[in-house]
Amino acid sequence: MDLTGETASWYDSPVMTTIQQNGFDSLFNLTLPRIKPRPVPADYAAWQRVLLLVADFCVFALAAFGALAITGFRPQAFEQRPEVTMGLLFVVTTALLVYERIGLYRTPFSAIARDQIYASFAAGLLGAIPPSLVLFFVPVLAPMRLTVAIAVVLGAIGMALARFGIQALRDTVAPAPARRIAIVGKPERVDALPKDLSLTNRDSLLRLPTATFDEELDAVMADGDVTKIAWLQSAIDWSCDTLIITEALPSALTPALLRETERRDIKLAFAPLRLRPHACDYRVERDGAATLLYTRSLAVSTAQADFARRALDLALVIPSLIVFSPLLVALAVAIALDSGAPIFYRQTRVGQRGREFEILKFRTMRVDAEQNTGPVWAQAGESRVTRVGRFLRRTSLDELPQLINILRGEMSIVGPRPERPFYVERFRQQLPRYDERHLVRPGITGWAQICMPRTLEPTAVSQKLSYDLFYLENWSIFLDISIIFKTAFEFLFQRAS
């Protein structure tokens, strides 16, 4: 057994990479952490939840006073109209309940502070929709409708800025504690586990591979003295706070090992690598003396989620097609004048459950771009791109015709980007979980698209897959709305491709 082990910091794992500066950072010249937000952030602590709740309530109060000042509504009117006061309290209470239900006080979507701006702004508008609809249909509150509308907008902006400030302050004053994680087990399993853990740049690892794991446990079975186990002593000497074992322990030794680790404030965990998440989730339940592990579908692949995503798509796409129709016509004319017909580029892509469909884009390359080469991976600075095509690609306007794909039910606004069958066959052979991207309808934008450059090398496909899996495993309708807001904002500031 290798008693020396190997210490490693977070950057030894190939899936933990950095991301480029985006439009928001460039706009305000911010220097913020660039840690890839693939790991699921820890839940908010109790004091953080209270702080966020108090901050949101204060933001609502300031937004209300601001709206009253803008609309010239005199505070004295509240004494004569108690129903107005009750209506405003209803708005605040309902909004806070909505925020709690969508998880705004449980855990952030990303470990990066700037992402809270998009999530909080989306939550601010989403949470105000139900109570605002009720108030707008109450005749007695008709004089307050403009005031409520302004308060909703001010509240959403205030929430975004307040939460960004709180998380940035928390990261500076009370950053997440550094973890010292020791991993013990068969060498190949010890090497495989770190890339699946939610590590940060503050965490350290001690690898304790041993090919004689079972023999060492058999040697201490007689007296149950687990302190004789070499790998346990190595982990204790290294002052680990978390001990992860990749092998099965004899039931007779587990209580003794647990007593020893608890006495030293060490968390004990088991990581059976044969049990990996593949398009499903797990929950542990006790049934009598038996411990059962139940599987369940990911939330994103349920019928309810499919209905919610489709409803959101139609609610946004139908008005978008009406609003953008003049722009679509103008771009079509520009393409025709620059390089002739055809205006649209059709390409076969792989969609939900592996079904193929034709994706629509404005043509940005020459008509004969792949005539002699076959499928070619898109690169930055393509010589095959037309003059108008360069503008369309830089602004992402070439993707607008995909609104028609969404209307036809082939795509969604948010989801993993669809790939060509040629590359799907290639990637699914290299990456065992690649087909999980096809659990849902592909999207125009997604978690990978807002966290990574638009133009990628083929070698980045595994990193892109990790973002797509993060989206699938943590999906909620609120996450979709947050991604849409972030995409819209970064479109305005033309994030570099």
Protein backbone atom coordinates (compact mmCIF):
# COMPACT_ATOMS: atom_id res chain seq x y z
CA MET A 1 0.00 0.00 0.00
CA ASP A 2 1.15 3.55 -0.75
CA LEU A 3 1.04 5.20 2.66
CA THR A 4 2.36 8.50 1.38
CA GLY A 5 -0.66 8.98 -0.84
CA GLU A 6 -0.84 12.02 -3.07
CA THR A 7 -2.07 15.49 -2.22
CA ALA A 8 -3.68 17.44 -4.99
CA SER A 9 -5.48 20.71 -5.29
CA TRP A 10 -8.65 21.28 -7.31
CA TYR A 11 -6.97 22.09 -10.61
CA ASP A 12 -5.58 18.55 -10.98
CA SER A 13 -9.03 17.44 -12.14
CA PRO A 14 -9.45 17.84 -15.92
CA VAL A 15 -13.12 18.80 -15.65
CA MET A 16 -12.45 21.81 -13.43
CA THR A 17 -11.54 24.54 -15.89
CA THR A 18 -11.93 28.27 -16.11
CA ILE A 19 -14.41 30.25 -18.17
CA GLN A 20 -13.90 33.40 -20.19
CA GLN A 21 -14.92 36.89 -19.22
CA ASN A 22 -18.46 37.53 -20.37
CA GLY A 23 -20.45 40.59 -21.35
CA PHE A 24 -21.39 41.63 -17.80
CA ASP A 25 -17.80 41.44 -16.56
CA SER A 26 -16.49 43.34 -19.57
CA LEU A 27 -19.14 46.04 -19.16
CA PHE A 28 -18.18 46.82 -15.56
CA ASN A 29 -14.51 45.76 -15.82
CA LEU A 30 -14.94 43.26 -13.00
CA THR A 31 -12.35 40.76 -11.85
CA LEU A 32 -14.33 37.88 -10.37
CA PRO A 33 -13.60 34.20 -9.72
CA ARG A 34 -13.47 32.15 -12.91
CA ILE A 35 -14.22 28.77 -11.35
CA LYS A 36 -16.30 26.59 -13.62
CA PRO A 37 -19.80 26.40 -12.07
CA ARG A 38 -20.27 22.70 -12.71
CA PRO A 39 -20.17 21.65 -9.01
CA VAL A 40 -23.45 22.09 -7.22
CA PRO A 41 -22.97 24.91 -4.68
CA ALA A 42 -23.62 24.17 -1.03
CA ASP A 43 -26.96 25.19 0.47
CA TYR A 44 -27.21 28.58 2.09
CA ALA A 45 -26.54 28.57 5.83
CA ALA A 46 -29.38 29.60 8.16
CA TRP A 47 -27.91 33.07 8.77
CA GLN A 48 -27.52 33.58 5.03
CA ARG A 49 -31.17 32.70 4.44
CA VAL A 50 -32.26 35.20 7.08
CA LEU A 51 -29.99 37.86 5.57
CA LEU A 52 -31.37 37.26 2.09
CA LEU A 53 -34.96 37.38 3.36
CA VAL A 54 -34.36 40.65 5.22
CA ALA A 55 -32.59 42.11 2.18
CA ASP A 56 -35.48 41.16 -0.12
CA PHE A 57 -38.03 42.71 2.26
CA CYS A 58 -36.00 45.93 2.45
CA VAL A 59 -35.74 46.01 -1.35
CA PHE A 60 -39.52 45.66 -1.61
CA ALA A 61 -40.03 48.52 0.82
CA LEU A 62 -37.65 50.81 -1.07
CA ALA A 63 -39.21 49.79 -4.40
CA ALA A 64 -42.68 50.62 -3.05
CA PHE A 65 -41.60 54.04 -1.80
CA GLY A 66 -39.83 54.69 -5.09
CA ALA A 67 -42.91 53.75 -7.10
CA LEU A 68 -45.11 55.94 -4.92
CA ALA A 69 -42.76 58.88 -5.43
CA ILE A 70 -42.63 58.37 -9.21
CA THR A 71 -46.42 58.13 -9.60
CA GLY A 72 -47.12 60.93 -7.10
CA PHE A 73 -49.29 58.70 -4.90
CA ARG A 74 -49.55 60.40 -1.52
CA PRO A 75 -48.91 58.21 1.57
CA GLN A 76 -51.88 59.86 3.32
CA ALA A 77 -54.17 57.96 0.97
CA PHE A 78 -53.28 54.71 2.74
CA GLU A 79 -55.17 55.85 5.85
CA GLN A 80 -58.35 56.26 3.84
CA ARG A 81 -57.83 53.13 1.69
CA PRO A 82 -56.87 50.19 3.94
CA GLU A 83 -57.55 47.78 1.05
CA VAL A 84 -54.57 49.30 -0.78
CA THR A 85 -52.29 48.50 2.15
CA MET A 86 -53.63 44.96 2.30
CA GLY A 87 -53.10 44.61 -1.46
CA LEU A 88 -49.45 45.65 -1.24
CA LEU A 89 -48.86 43.29 1.69
CA PHE A 90 -50.45 40.52 -0.38
CA VAL A 91 -48.01 41.25 -3.22
CA VAL A 92 -44.99 41.10 -0.91
CA THR A 93 -46.11 37.97 0.96
CA THR A 94 -46.99 36.05 -2.21
CA ALA A 95 -43.75 37.05 -3.90
CA LEU A 96 -41.69 35.84 -0.95
CA LEU A 97 -43.55 32.52 -0.96
CA VAL A 98 -42.86 32.11 -4.68
CA TYR A 99 -39.17 32.85 -4.11
CA GLU A 100 -39.04 30.20 -1.40
CA ARG A 101 -40.74 27.61 -3.60
CA ILE A 102 -38.39 28.14 -6.54
CA GLY A 103 -35.39 27.73 -4.25
CA LEU A 104 -34.12 31.28 -3.99
CA TYR A 105 -33.34 30.73 -0.30
CA ARG A 106 -31.97 27.19 -0.58
CA THR A 107 -29.03 27.11 -2.96
CA PRO A 108 -27.65 29.22 -5.81
CA PHE A 109 -27.41 27.88 -9.35
CA SER A 110 -23.79 28.88 -9.59
CA ALA A 111 -20.87 29.47 -7.28
CA ILE A 112 -20.12 32.72 -9.16
CA ALA A 113 -21.50 35.91 -7.64
CA ARG A 114 -22.34 37.62 -10.94
CA ASP A 115 -24.75 34.82 -11.88
CA GLN A 116 -26.94 35.95 -8.99
CA ILE A 117 -27.81 39.08 -10.95
CA TYR A 118 -29.53 37.10 -13.68
CA ALA A 119 -31.15 34.60 -11.31
CA SER A 120 -32.42 37.27 -8.91
CA PHE A 121 -33.77 39.52 -11.64
CA ALA A 122 -35.61 36.57 -13.18
CA ALA A 123 -36.96 35.57 -9.77
CA GLY A 124 -38.05 39.14 -9.04
CA LEU A 125 -40.22 39.26 -12.14
CA LEU A 126 -41.42 35.66 -11.83
CA GLY A 127 -42.44 36.04 -8.20
CA ALA A 128 -44.40 39.20 -8.86
CA ILE A 129 -46.51 37.73 -11.68
CA PRO A 130 -49.15 35.82 -9.60
CA PRO A 131 -49.99 38.59 -7.10
CA SER A 132 -49.80 41.29 -9.75
CA LEU A 133 -52.32 39.46 -11.94
CA VAL A 134 -54.71 39.28 -9.00
CA LEU A 135 -54.28 42.96 -8.12
CA PHE A 136 -54.71 44.09 -11.71
CA PHE A 137 -58.11 42.41 -11.85
CA VAL A 138 -59.35 43.96 -8.57
CA PRO A 139 -61.31 47.10 -9.56
CA VAL A 140 -60.75 48.90 -6.27
CA LEU A 141 -56.98 48.82 -6.87
CA ALA A 142 -57.17 50.23 -10.40
CA PRO A 143 -55.54 53.57 -9.38
CA MET A 144 -52.56 51.61 -8.05
CA ARG A 145 -51.83 49.53 -11.14
CA LEU A 146 -49.10 51.78 -12.52
CA THR A 147 -47.56 52.07 -9.06
CA VAL A 148 -47.51 48.29 -8.65
CA ALA A 149 -45.97 47.79 -12.11
CA ILE A 150 -43.17 50.26 -11.38
CA ALA A 151 -42.61 48.70 -7.96
CA VAL A 152 -42.26 45.24 -9.56
CA VAL A 153 -39.58 46.44 -11.98
CA LEU A 154 -37.70 48.39 -9.29
CA GLY A 155 -37.95 45.39 -6.96
CA ALA A 156 -36.50 43.01 -9.55
CA ILE A 157 -33.58 45.33 -10.25
CA GLY A 158 -33.03 45.93 -6.54
CA MET A 159 -33.09 42.20 -5.74
CA ALA A 160 -30.51 41.49 -8.42
CA LEU A 161 -28.11 44.17 -7.19
CA ALA A 162 -28.65 43.37 -3.50
CA ARG A 163 -28.03 39.65 -3.93
CA PHE A 164 -24.97 40.25 -6.07
CA GLY A 165 -23.59 42.52 -3.36
CA ILE A 166 -24.43 40.08 -0.57
CA GLN A 167 -22.81 37.10 -2.27
CA ALA A 168 -19.75 39.11 -3.29
CA LEU A 169 -19.43 40.32 0.31
CA ARG A 170 -19.92 36.78 1.64
CA ASP A 171 -17.24 35.44 -0.70
CA THR A 172 -14.85 38.09 0.64
CA VAL A 173 -15.71 38.13 4.35
CA ALA A 174 -16.87 34.54 4.91
CA PRO A 175 -15.71 32.37 2.00
CA ALA A 176 -16.65 28.71 1.85
CA PRO A 177 -14.37 26.73 4.18
CA ALA A 178 -11.57 24.76 2.65
CA ARG A 179 -12.14 21.01 2.75
CA ARG A 180 -9.49 18.37 3.27
CA ILE A 181 -10.81 15.24 1.61
CA ALA A 182 -9.10 11.86 1.88
CA ILE A 183 -10.12 9.13 -0.58
CA VAL A 184 -9.28 5.49 0.09
CA GLY A 185 -9.94 2.36 -1.95
CA LYS A 186 -8.75 0.41 -4.97
CA PRO A 187 -6.26 2.49 -7.01
CA GLU A 188 -8.40 2.80 -10.13
CA ARG A 189 -11.43 3.94 -8.11
CA VAL A 190 -9.43 6.45 -6.09
CA ASP A 191 -8.17 7.96 -9.34
CA ALA A 192 -11.66 8.08 -10.90
CA LEU A 193 -13.61 9.69 -8.05
CA PRO A 194 -12.13 13.24 -7.80
CA LYS A 195 -13.38 14.36 -11.21
CA ASP A 196 -16.97 13.69 -10.09
CA LEU A 197 -16.75 15.59 -6.81
CA SER A 198 -17.92 19.19 -6.36
CA LEU A 199 -14.49 20.61 -5.68
CA THR A 200 -13.55 24.27 -5.38
CA ASN A 201 -10.20 26.01 -5.55
CA ARG A 202 -9.97 25.88 -1.74
CA ASP A 203 -10.28 22.11 -1.42
CA SER A 204 -7.36 19.70 -1.07
CA LEU A 205 -7.27 15.96 -1.75
CA LEU A 206 -5.30 13.10 -0.26
CA ARG A 207 -5.38 9.98 -2.41
CA LEU A 208 -4.81 6.75 -0.49
CA PRO A 209 -4.91 3.93 -3.03
CA THR A 210 -4.58 0.41 -1.66
CA ALA A 211 -4.71 -2.91 -3.45
CA THR A 212 -5.02 -4.80 -0.14
CA PHE A 213 -8.11 -3.06 1.22
CA ASP A 214 -9.99 -6.24 2.22
CA GLU A 215 -6.91 -7.87 3.75
CA GLU A 216 -6.29 -4.87 6.02
CA LEU A 217 -9.86 -4.97 7.28
CA ASP A 218 -9.67 -8.74 7.91
CA ALA A 219 -6.59 -8.15 10.05
CA VAL A 220 -8.50 -5.95 12.53
CA MET A 221 -11.79 -7.89 12.55
CA ALA A 222 -10.79 -9.92 15.62
CA ASP A 223 -10.47 -7.02 18.09
CA GLY A 224 -12.24 -4.27 16.11
CA ASP A 225 -9.39 -1.81 16.70
CA VAL A 226 -9.70 0.32 13.55
CA THR A 227 -6.82 2.57 14.65
CA LYS A 228 -4.48 -0.16 13.36
CA ILE A 229 -5.64 0.47 9.78
CA ALA A 230 -2.78 2.21 7.98
CA TRP A 231 -4.90 4.27 5.59
CA LEU A 232 -7.11 5.57 8.41
CA GLN A 233 -4.05 6.66 10.39
CA SER A 234 -2.65 8.39 7.30
CA ALA A 235 -5.91 10.30 6.82
CA ILE A 236 -5.95 11.33 10.50
CA ASP A 237 -2.31 12.45 10.41
CA TRP A 238 -3.10 14.56 7.35
CA SER A 239 -5.92 16.23 9.36
CA CYS A 240 -8.66 15.39 6.87
CA ASP A 241 -12.19 16.55 7.62
CA THR A 242 -13.89 14.19 5.13
CA LEU A 243 -13.03 10.53 4.54
CA ILE A 244 -14.50 8.92 1.43
CA ILE A 245 -14.28 5.15 0.98
CA THR A 246 -14.88 3.67 -2.46
CA GLU A 247 -15.21 0.05 -1.23
CA ALA A 248 -17.78 -1.83 0.84
CA LEU A 249 -17.07 -2.14 4.57
CA PRO A 250 -17.97 -5.17 6.71
CA SER A 251 -21.02 -4.33 8.81
CA ALA A 252 -19.20 -5.35 11.98
CA LEU A 253 -16.47 -2.73 11.46
CA THR A 254 -18.66 0.18 10.40
CA PRO A 255 -19.74 1.24 13.95
CA ALA A 256 -16.15 1.20 15.21
CA LEU A 257 -14.92 3.22 12.23
CA LEU A 258 -17.79 5.66 12.62
CA ARG A 259 -17.03 6.18 16.32
CA GLU A 260 -13.39 6.90 15.53
CA THR A 261 -14.16 9.40 12.76
CA GLU A 262 -16.89 11.16 14.76
CA ARG A 263 -14.55 11.48 17.72
CA ARG A 264 -12.19 13.43 15.46
CA ASP A 265 -14.94 15.43 13.68
CA ILE A 266 -14.31 13.61 10.41
CA LYS A 267 -17.22 13.06 8.05
CA LEU A 268 -17.40 9.48 6.79
CA ALA A 269 -18.86 8.80 3.35
CA PHE A 270 -19.05 5.92 0.88
CA ALA A 271 -18.82 6.34 -2.88
CA PRO A 272 -19.71 3.16 -4.78
CA LEU A 273 -18.41 4.04 -8.24
CA ARG A 274 -20.42 1.28 -9.86
CA LEU A 275 -23.51 3.29 -8.95
CA ARG A 276 -23.27 6.27 -11.27
CA PRO A 277 -26.08 8.66 -12.25
CA HIS A 278 -27.22 7.92 -15.80
CA ALA A 279 -30.36 9.90 -16.58
CA CYS A 280 -31.79 9.16 -13.14
CA ASP A 281 -31.58 10.20 -9.51
CA TYR A 282 -31.39 8.16 -6.31
CA ARG A 283 -32.86 8.32 -2.83
CA VAL A 284 -32.10 6.14 0.19
CA GLU A 285 -34.91 4.70 2.33
CA ARG A 286 -35.09 2.25 5.22
CA ASP A 287 -37.50 -0.67 5.00
CA GLY A 288 -37.33 -2.60 8.24
CA ALA A 289 -33.71 -3.68 8.68
CA ALA A 290 -32.96 -3.25 4.97
CA THR A 291 -31.55 -0.15 3.30
CA LEU A 292 -33.02 0.36 -0.15
CA LEU A 293 -31.81 2.65 -2.91
CA TYR A 294 -34.68 3.81 -5.10
CA THR A 295 -34.20 5.24 -8.57
CA ARG A 296 -36.33 7.96 -10.10
CA SER A 297 -36.33 9.92 -13.33
CA LEU A 298 -34.68 13.30 -13.45
CA ALA A 299 -37.20 16.11 -13.02
CA VAL A 300 -36.40 17.46 -16.48
CA SER A 301 -37.48 14.23 -18.20
CA THR A 302 -40.95 14.01 -16.61
CA ALA A 303 -44.20 14.78 -18.44
CA GLN A 304 -44.83 17.75 -16.13
CA ALA A 305 -41.46 19.29 -17.01
CA ASP A 306 -42.03 18.72 -20.72
CA PHE A 307 -45.40 20.51 -20.48
CA ALA A 308 -43.89 23.42 -18.51
CA ARG A 309 -41.00 23.85 -20.95
CA ARG A 310 -43.35 23.72 -23.93
CA ALA A 311 -45.68 26.29 -22.37
CA LEU A 312 -42.76 28.63 -21.71
CA ASP A 313 -41.52 28.16 -25.28
CA LEU A 314 -44.86 29.05 -26.85
CA ALA A 315 -45.44 31.97 -24.48
CA LEU A 316 -42.16 33.55 -25.60
CA VAL A 317 -41.77 32.39 -29.20
CA ILE A 318 -45.16 33.46 -30.60
CA PRO A 319 -44.79 37.13 -29.58
CA SER A 320 -41.08 37.03 -30.51
CA LEU A 321 -41.88 35.98 -34.07
CA ILE A 322 -44.29 38.91 -34.34
CA VAL A 323 -41.82 41.41 -32.87
CA PHE A 324 -38.82 40.19 -34.87
CA SER A 325 -40.62 39.71 -38.20
CA PRO A 326 -39.35 43.04 -39.65
CA LEU A 327 -35.80 42.13 -38.57
CA LEU A 328 -36.11 38.67 -40.12
CA VAL A 329 -37.18 40.20 -43.43
CA ALA A 330 -34.34 42.75 -43.33
CA LEU A 331 -31.73 40.07 -42.65
CA ALA A 332 -33.11 37.87 -45.43
CA VAL A 333 -32.81 40.77 -47.90
CA ALA A 334 -29.24 41.48 -46.74
CA ILE A 335 -28.20 37.85 -47.29
CA ALA A 336 -29.78 37.78 -50.74
CA LEU A 337 -28.01 40.98 -51.80
CA ASP A 338 -24.67 39.81 -50.39
CA SER A 339 -24.45 36.21 -51.63
CA GLY A 340 -27.73 35.31 -53.30
CA ALA A 341 -29.98 32.34 -52.55
CA PRO A 342 -30.68 30.29 -50.53
CA ILE A 343 -31.47 32.53 -47.57
CA PHE A 344 -31.80 29.75 -45.02
CA TYR A 345 -29.34 27.00 -44.21
CA ARG A 346 -30.87 23.63 -43.38
CA GLN A 347 -28.87 20.97 -41.60
CA THR A 348 -29.79 17.62 -40.05
CA ARG A 349 -29.40 17.57 -36.27
CA VAL A 350 -30.18 15.04 -33.55
CA GLY A 351 -32.99 16.05 -31.22
CA GLN A 352 -35.02 14.62 -28.34
CA ARG A 353 -34.77 10.82 -27.97
CA GLY A 354 -32.39 10.68 -30.91
CA ARG A 355 -34.94 11.86 -33.49
CA GLU A 356 -33.39 13.74 -36.39
CA PHE A 357 -34.75 17.07 -37.66
CA GLU A 358 -33.69 19.91 -39.92
CA ILE A 359 -32.41 22.92 -38.03
CA LEU A 360 -32.94 26.35 -39.61
CA LYS A 361 -30.37 29.13 -39.67
CA PHE A 362 -29.67 32.16 -41.75
CA ARG A 363 -26.95 31.11 -44.17
CA THR A 364 -23.59 32.55 -43.12
CA MET A 365 -21.23 30.52 -45.34
CA ARG A 366 -20.77 30.05 -49.04
CA VAL A 367 -23.20 27.61 -50.62
CA ASP A 368 -20.39 25.16 -51.49
CA ALA A 369 -18.66 25.40 -48.11
CA GLU A 370 -18.59 21.61 -47.46
CA GLN A 371 -18.95 20.34 -51.00
CA ASN A 372 -15.43 18.89 -51.17
CA THR A 373 -14.70 18.32 -47.49
CA GLY A 374 -17.82 16.81 -45.94
CA PRO A 375 -18.70 17.73 -42.32
CA VAL A 376 -16.14 20.18 -40.90
CA TRP A 377 -16.04 21.42 -37.30
CA ALA A 378 -16.78 25.17 -37.18
CA GLN A 379 -13.77 27.32 -36.27
CA ALA A 380 -13.31 30.93 -35.23
CA GLY A 381 -12.32 33.20 -38.14
CA GLU A 382 -13.79 30.90 -40.80
CA SER A 383 -12.66 31.83 -44.33
CA ARG A 384 -15.87 30.26 -45.69
CA VAL A 385 -18.07 32.88 -43.97
CA THR A 386 -19.68 35.61 -46.08
CA ARG A 387 -19.53 39.33 -45.25
CA VAL A 388 -23.08 39.43 -43.88
CA GLY A 389 -22.43 36.04 -42.27
CA ARG A 390 -19.66 37.48 -40.10
CA PHE A 391 -22.08 40.04 -38.68
CA LEU A 392 -24.78 37.42 -38.14
CA ARG A 393 -22.39 35.10 -36.33
CA ARG A 394 -20.90 37.83 -34.16
CA THR A 395 -24.38 38.91 -33.01
CA SER A 396 -25.90 35.38 -33.01
CA LEU A 397 -28.70 36.65 -35.26
CA ASP A 398 -28.15 33.67 -37.55
CA GLU A 399 -29.96 31.59 -34.90
CA LEU A 400 -33.24 33.54 -35.14
CA PRO A 401 -34.91 31.17 -37.67
CA GLN A 402 -34.73 28.47 -35.00
CA LEU A 403 -37.77 30.14 -33.47
CA ILE A 404 -39.63 28.25 -36.21
CA ASN A 405 -38.03 24.98 -35.02
CA ILE A 406 -39.35 25.78 -31.54
CA LEU A 407 -42.82 26.53 -32.86
CA ARG A 408 -42.81 23.14 -34.63
CA GLY A 409 -41.86 21.39 -31.38
CA GLU A 410 -38.41 20.26 -32.55
CA MET A 411 -36.48 22.55 -30.22
CA SER A 412 -36.86 24.58 -27.03
CA ILE A 413 -35.51 27.97 -26.07
CA VAL A 414 -33.29 26.38 -23.40
CA GLY A 415 -31.58 23.02 -23.68
CA PRO A 416 -28.40 21.33 -24.90
CA ARG A 417 -27.42 22.48 -28.38
CA PRO A 418 -28.28 19.86 -31.06
CA GLU A 419 -25.37 18.25 -32.88
CA ARG A 420 -24.99 16.70 -36.34
CA PRO A 421 -25.46 12.90 -36.59
CA PHE A 422 -21.86 12.50 -37.80
CA TYR A 423 -20.50 13.99 -34.58
CA VAL A 424 -23.13 12.39 -32.32
CA GLU A 425 -21.94 8.93 -33.41
CA ARG A 426 -18.37 9.96 -32.78
CA PHE A 427 -18.97 11.53 -29.36
CA ARG A 428 -21.24 8.81 -27.98
CA GLN A 429 -18.40 6.32 -28.51
CA GLN A 430 -16.01 8.50 -26.53
CA LEU A 431 -18.37 9.72 -23.78
CA PRO A 432 -20.66 7.15 -22.09
CA ARG A 433 -23.22 9.76 -20.95
CA TYR A 434 -23.41 11.71 -24.20
CA ASP A 435 -26.85 10.36 -25.14
CA GLU A 436 -28.32 11.86 -21.96
CA ARG A 437 -28.29 15.21 -23.78
CA HIS A 438 -31.16 13.83 -25.85
CA LEU A 439 -33.51 13.43 -22.87
CA VAL A 440 -35.04 16.81 -23.69
CA ARG A 441 -35.64 18.93 -26.74
CA PRO A 442 -32.45 20.74 -27.75
CA GLY A 443 -32.28 24.48 -27.26
CA ILE A 444 -31.15 27.71 -28.89
CA THR A 445 -29.31 28.55 -25.69
CA GLY A 446 -28.32 26.57 -22.61
CA TRP A 447 -26.12 26.37 -19.56
CA ALA A 448 -23.10 25.43 -21.68
CA GLN A 449 -23.71 28.29 -24.09
CA ILE A 450 -23.73 30.98 -21.39
CA CYS A 451 -20.66 29.57 -19.64
CA MET A 452 -18.42 28.69 -22.60
CA PRO A 453 -17.28 30.38 -25.82
CA ARG A 454 -19.57 29.88 -28.81
CA THR A 455 -16.85 28.39 -31.04
CA LEU A 456 -15.18 25.36 -29.43
CA GLU A 457 -12.60 22.80 -30.40
CA PRO A 458 -13.74 19.16 -30.61
CA THR A 459 -11.54 18.45 -27.58
CA ALA A 460 -13.86 20.62 -25.46
CA VAL A 461 -16.86 18.35 -25.99
CA SER A 462 -16.39 16.59 -22.64
CA GLN A 463 -16.37 19.92 -20.82
CA LYS A 464 -19.46 21.01 -22.73
CA LEU A 465 -21.15 17.73 -21.81
CA SER A 466 -20.47 18.38 -18.13
CA TYR A 467 -22.36 21.69 -18.39
CA ASP A 468 -25.24 20.01 -20.22
CA LEU A 469 -25.46 17.29 -17.55
CA PHE A 470 -25.39 19.96 -14.83
CA TYR A 471 -28.41 21.55 -16.51
CA LEU A 472 -30.29 18.25 -16.79
CA GLU A 473 -29.60 17.23 -13.19
CA ASN A 474 -30.50 20.64 -11.71
CA TRP A 475 -33.32 21.69 -14.02
CA SER A 476 -36.20 23.85 -12.93
CA ILE A 477 -38.38 26.29 -14.83
CA PHE A 478 -36.69 29.02 -12.81
CA LEU A 479 -33.28 27.89 -14.10
CA ASP A 480 -34.63 28.10 -17.66
CA ILE A 481 -35.84 31.66 -17.08
CA SER A 482 -32.51 32.65 -15.52
CA ILE A 483 -30.62 31.30 -18.53
CA ILE A 484 -32.92 33.23 -20.88
CA PHE A 485 -32.26 36.47 -18.99
CA LYS A 486 -28.52 35.88 -18.97
CA THR A 487 -28.52 35.05 -22.70
CA ALA A 488 -30.48 38.20 -23.51
CA PHE A 489 -28.16 40.39 -21.46
CA GLU A 490 -25.00 38.96 -22.96
CA PHE A 491 -26.48 39.22 -26.45
CA LEU A 492 -26.81 42.97 -25.90
CA PHE A 493 -23.12 43.21 -25.06
CA GLN A 494 -22.03 40.77 -27.77
CA ARG A 495 -20.12 38.20 -25.78
CA ALA A 496 -17.05 37.17 -27.71
CA SER A 497 -17.31 33.92 -29.59
